[in-house]
Amino acid sequence: MINVNEYFGGQVKSLGYTTTEGKSTVGVIAPGTYEFGTSMHEIMAVLEGELKVLLPGTENWETFAAGSKFEVPANASFKVEVAAPTAYLCQYR
């Protein structure tokens, strides 16, 4: 089953699905600044574009370009800044 998700007034959209490895979403983030909360450990891979990310417990923004990834622990929040539409894959483990 594929689930359609929409956040921040349609500025972030994704398709959710489940495999034998667990749940994942693939989506696109429009330009802007957003704060996300996690309920599970997340592995975020940038597929196209670039994300500036403020990870939990840090004070400095990090930039993740296409081909890179970062992890966020469960029950945390993180911020992203996006300058141009950016595609991502998020795996929940």
N, C-alpha and C. Protein backbone atom coordinates (compact mmCIF):
# COMPACT_ATOMS: atom_id res chain seq x y z
N MET A 1 0.83 -1.18 0.00
CA MET A 1 0.00 0.00 0.00
C MET A 1 0.88 1.25 0.00
N ILE A 2 0.55 2.20 -0.81
CA ILE A 2 1.27 3.46 -0.89
C ILE A 2 0.41 4.55 -0.24
N ASN A 3 1.00 5.28 0.70
CA ASN A 3 0.31 6.38 1.37
C ASN A 3 0.82 7.71 0.86
N VAL A 4 -0.09 8.65 0.66
CA VAL A 4 0.27 10.00 0.24
C VAL A 4 0.30 10.90 1.47
N ASN A 5 1.41 11.61 1.67
CA ASN A 5 1.56 12.51 2.82
C ASN A 5 1.79 13.93 2.32
N GLU A 6 1.21 14.90 3.04
CA GLU A 6 1.38 16.31 2.70
C GLU A 6 1.54 17.11 4.00
N TYR A 7 2.57 17.96 4.03
CA TYR A 7 2.88 18.75 5.22
C TYR A 7 3.10 20.20 4.85
N PHE A 8 2.99 21.07 5.84
CA PHE A 8 3.30 22.50 5.67
C PHE A 8 2.55 23.11 4.49
N GLY A 9 1.25 22.87 4.45
CA GLY A 9 0.41 23.46 3.40
C GLY A 9 0.78 23.01 2.00
N GLY A 10 1.27 21.79 1.86
CA GLY A 10 1.63 21.25 0.56
C GLY A 10 3.05 21.53 0.13
N GLN A 11 3.84 22.18 0.99
CA GLN A 11 5.23 22.49 0.64
C GLN A 11 6.15 21.28 0.73
N VAL A 12 5.71 20.24 1.45
CA VAL A 12 6.44 18.97 1.55
C VAL A 12 5.44 17.87 1.24
N LYS A 13 5.76 17.06 0.24
CA LYS A 13 4.88 15.95 -0.13
C LYS A 13 5.71 14.69 -0.27
N SER A 14 5.12 13.56 0.15
CA SER A 14 5.85 12.30 0.03
C SER A 14 4.90 11.14 -0.19
N LEU A 15 5.48 10.05 -0.65
CA LEU A 15 4.77 8.78 -0.78
C LEU A 15 5.39 7.81 0.21
N GLY A 16 4.58 7.20 1.04
CA GLY A 16 5.07 6.25 2.04
C GLY A 16 4.78 4.83 1.62
N TYR A 17 5.70 3.94 1.97
CA TYR A 17 5.54 2.53 1.63
C TYR A 17 6.31 1.68 2.62
N THR A 18 6.03 0.39 2.63
CA THR A 18 6.70 -0.54 3.53
C THR A 18 7.32 -1.68 2.74
N THR A 19 8.56 -2.02 3.10
CA THR A 19 9.26 -3.16 2.50
C THR A 19 9.63 -4.13 3.62
N THR A 20 10.33 -5.18 3.29
CA THR A 20 10.76 -6.14 4.32
C THR A 20 11.77 -5.49 5.27
N GLU A 21 12.41 -4.40 4.85
CA GLU A 21 13.38 -3.70 5.70
C GLU A 21 12.73 -2.66 6.61
N GLY A 22 11.48 -2.30 6.37
CA GLY A 22 10.78 -1.33 7.20
C GLY A 22 10.07 -0.27 6.37
N LYS A 23 9.64 0.79 7.06
CA LYS A 23 8.91 1.86 6.41
C LYS A 23 9.86 2.88 5.79
N SER A 24 9.42 3.48 4.68
CA SER A 24 10.18 4.52 4.00
C SER A 24 9.22 5.52 3.38
N THR A 25 9.73 6.73 3.12
CA THR A 25 9.01 7.71 2.33
C THR A 25 9.98 8.30 1.32
N VAL A 26 9.44 8.67 0.18
CA VAL A 26 10.23 9.38 -0.83
C VAL A 26 9.41 10.61 -1.19
N GLY A 27 10.08 11.77 -1.20
CA GLY A 27 9.31 12.99 -1.42
C GLY A 27 10.12 14.15 -1.91
N VAL A 28 9.45 15.31 -1.95
CA VAL A 28 10.04 16.55 -2.41
C VAL A 28 9.71 17.66 -1.41
N ILE A 29 10.71 18.50 -1.13
CA ILE A 29 10.55 19.64 -0.24
C ILE A 29 10.72 20.91 -1.07
N ALA A 30 9.73 21.80 -1.01
CA ALA A 30 9.80 23.08 -1.70
C ALA A 30 10.69 24.04 -0.91
N PRO A 31 11.19 25.10 -1.55
CA PRO A 31 12.02 26.07 -0.84
C PRO A 31 11.33 26.62 0.41
N GLY A 32 12.12 26.75 1.49
CA GLY A 32 11.59 27.25 2.75
C GLY A 32 12.37 26.69 3.92
N THR A 33 11.91 27.01 5.13
CA THR A 33 12.49 26.49 6.36
C THR A 33 11.42 25.72 7.10
N TYR A 34 11.76 24.51 7.55
CA TYR A 34 10.78 23.62 8.18
C TYR A 34 11.39 22.94 9.40
N GLU A 35 10.51 22.58 10.35
CA GLU A 35 10.95 21.80 11.50
C GLU A 35 10.14 20.51 11.53
N PHE A 36 10.86 19.39 11.59
CA PHE A 36 10.25 18.07 11.60
C PHE A 36 10.47 17.40 12.95
N GLY A 37 9.52 16.60 13.37
CA GLY A 37 9.67 15.79 14.58
C GLY A 37 9.74 14.33 14.19
N THR A 38 10.45 13.54 14.97
CA THR A 38 10.59 12.12 14.68
C THR A 38 9.94 11.29 15.78
N SER A 39 9.39 10.16 15.40
CA SER A 39 8.91 9.19 16.39
C SER A 39 9.77 7.93 16.33
N MET A 40 10.46 7.76 15.21
CA MET A 40 11.37 6.63 15.01
C MET A 40 12.71 7.17 14.55
N HIS A 41 13.75 6.34 14.64
CA HIS A 41 15.06 6.68 14.09
C HIS A 41 14.90 6.86 12.58
N GLU A 42 15.45 7.93 12.03
CA GLU A 42 15.32 8.21 10.60
C GLU A 42 16.68 8.33 9.93
N ILE A 43 16.76 7.77 8.74
CA ILE A 43 17.93 7.92 7.88
C ILE A 43 17.45 8.68 6.65
N MET A 44 17.95 9.90 6.48
CA MET A 44 17.54 10.76 5.37
C MET A 44 18.62 10.80 4.31
N ALA A 45 18.27 10.42 3.10
CA ALA A 45 19.18 10.49 1.96
C ALA A 45 18.68 11.58 1.01
N VAL A 46 19.57 12.46 0.60
CA VAL A 46 19.23 13.52 -0.35
C VAL A 46 19.43 12.93 -1.75
N LEU A 47 18.36 12.89 -2.53
CA LEU A 47 18.42 12.30 -3.87
C LEU A 47 18.76 13.34 -4.94
N GLU A 48 18.23 14.54 -4.77
CA GLU A 48 18.47 15.62 -5.73
C GLU A 48 18.31 16.94 -5.00
N GLY A 49 19.18 17.89 -5.26
CA GLY A 49 19.11 19.17 -4.57
C GLY A 49 20.04 19.20 -3.38
N GLU A 50 19.64 19.99 -2.36
CA GLU A 50 20.51 20.18 -1.20
C GLU A 50 19.67 20.61 0.00
N LEU A 51 20.02 20.08 1.17
CA LEU A 51 19.37 20.45 2.42
C LEU A 51 20.39 21.04 3.38
N LYS A 52 20.06 22.16 4.00
CA LYS A 52 20.82 22.66 5.14
C LYS A 52 20.05 22.14 6.35
N VAL A 53 20.76 21.50 7.28
CA VAL A 53 20.09 20.81 8.38
C VAL A 53 20.69 21.24 9.71
N LEU A 54 19.80 21.49 10.68
CA LEU A 54 20.20 21.73 12.06
C LEU A 54 19.75 20.50 12.85
N LEU A 55 20.71 19.62 13.12
CA LEU A 55 20.42 18.36 13.80
C LEU A 55 20.21 18.58 15.29
N PRO A 56 19.48 17.68 15.95
CA PRO A 56 19.23 17.82 17.38
C PRO A 56 20.54 17.87 18.17
N GLY A 57 20.59 18.77 19.16
CA GLY A 57 21.75 18.86 20.02
C GLY A 57 22.94 19.56 19.41
N THR A 58 22.76 20.16 18.22
CA THR A 58 23.87 20.88 17.58
C THR A 58 23.51 22.35 17.43
N GLU A 59 24.53 23.17 17.23
CA GLU A 59 24.31 24.61 17.06
C GLU A 59 24.66 25.09 15.66
N ASN A 60 25.30 24.23 14.86
CA ASN A 60 25.74 24.63 13.53
C ASN A 60 24.96 23.88 12.45
N TRP A 61 24.53 24.62 11.46
CA TRP A 61 23.84 24.04 10.31
C TRP A 61 24.86 23.27 9.46
N GLU A 62 24.45 22.11 8.94
CA GLU A 62 25.27 21.31 8.03
C GLU A 62 24.56 21.23 6.69
N THR A 63 25.34 21.19 5.61
CA THR A 63 24.77 21.09 4.27
C THR A 63 24.95 19.67 3.76
N PHE A 64 23.84 19.11 3.24
CA PHE A 64 23.85 17.77 2.67
C PHE A 64 23.38 17.87 1.22
N ALA A 65 24.27 17.53 0.30
CA ALA A 65 23.98 17.59 -1.13
C ALA A 65 23.49 16.23 -1.62
N ALA A 66 23.06 16.19 -2.86
CA ALA A 66 22.62 14.94 -3.47
C ALA A 66 23.67 13.86 -3.30
N GLY A 67 23.25 12.68 -2.89
CA GLY A 67 24.17 11.56 -2.68
C GLY A 67 24.62 11.41 -1.24
N SER A 68 24.28 12.38 -0.39
CA SER A 68 24.68 12.28 1.02
C SER A 68 23.48 11.94 1.89
N LYS A 69 23.75 11.58 3.15
CA LYS A 69 22.66 11.26 4.06
C LYS A 69 23.04 11.63 5.48
N PHE A 70 22.03 11.70 6.33
CA PHE A 70 22.22 11.98 7.74
C PHE A 70 21.17 11.20 8.54
N GLU A 71 21.41 11.08 9.85
CA GLU A 71 20.50 10.33 10.70
C GLU A 71 19.98 11.21 11.82
N VAL A 72 18.75 10.94 12.22
CA VAL A 72 18.10 11.66 13.30
C VAL A 72 17.54 10.62 14.27
N PRO A 73 17.80 10.76 15.57
CA PRO A 73 17.28 9.79 16.53
C PRO A 73 15.77 9.89 16.69
N ALA A 74 15.19 8.86 17.26
CA ALA A 74 13.75 8.86 17.56
C ALA A 74 13.44 9.92 18.61
N ASN A 75 12.22 10.42 18.56
CA ASN A 75 11.71 11.39 19.54
C ASN A 75 12.56 12.64 19.63
N ALA A 76 12.91 13.18 18.47
CA ALA A 76 13.71 14.39 18.39
C ALA A 76 13.11 15.30 17.32
N SER A 77 13.64 16.50 17.20
CA SER A 77 13.22 17.38 16.12
C SER A 77 14.46 17.94 15.44
N PHE A 78 14.30 18.30 14.18
CA PHE A 78 15.40 18.88 13.41
C PHE A 78 14.82 19.88 12.43
N LYS A 79 15.64 20.84 12.03
CA LYS A 79 15.21 21.87 11.09
C LYS A 79 15.93 21.70 9.76
N VAL A 80 15.24 22.06 8.68
CA VAL A 80 15.87 22.06 7.36
C VAL A 80 15.59 23.38 6.67
N GLU A 81 16.57 23.84 5.91
CA GLU A 81 16.42 25.00 5.03
C GLU A 81 16.64 24.51 3.61
N VAL A 82 15.76 24.91 2.71
CA VAL A 82 15.81 24.45 1.33
C VAL A 82 15.76 25.66 0.41
N ALA A 83 16.74 25.78 -0.48
CA ALA A 83 16.80 26.91 -1.41
C ALA A 83 16.13 26.60 -2.74
N ALA A 84 16.11 25.32 -3.14
CA ALA A 84 15.50 24.90 -4.40
C ALA A 84 14.82 23.55 -4.15
N PRO A 85 13.81 23.18 -4.93
CA PRO A 85 13.14 21.91 -4.69
C PRO A 85 14.16 20.77 -4.53
N THR A 86 13.95 19.97 -3.49
CA THR A 86 14.90 18.91 -3.14
C THR A 86 14.16 17.60 -2.91
N ALA A 87 14.66 16.53 -3.51
CA ALA A 87 14.07 15.20 -3.35
C ALA A 87 14.85 14.41 -2.31
N TYR A 88 14.11 13.58 -1.54
CA TYR A 88 14.73 12.80 -0.47
C TYR A 88 14.10 11.42 -0.35
N LEU A 89 14.84 10.54 0.32
CA LEU A 89 14.36 9.23 0.74
C LEU A 89 14.57 9.17 2.24
N CYS A 90 13.52 8.89 2.98
CA CYS A 90 13.62 8.77 4.44
C CYS A 90 13.27 7.34 4.83
N GLN A 91 14.19 6.68 5.50
CA GLN A 91 13.98 5.31 5.98
C GLN A 91 13.82 5.34 7.49
N TYR A 92 12.76 4.68 7.97
CA TYR A 92 12.46 4.64 9.40
C TYR A 92 12.92 3.30 9.94
N ARG A 93 13.87 3.34 10.84
CA ARG A 93 14.44 2.09 11.38
C ARG A 93 14.43 2.16 12.85
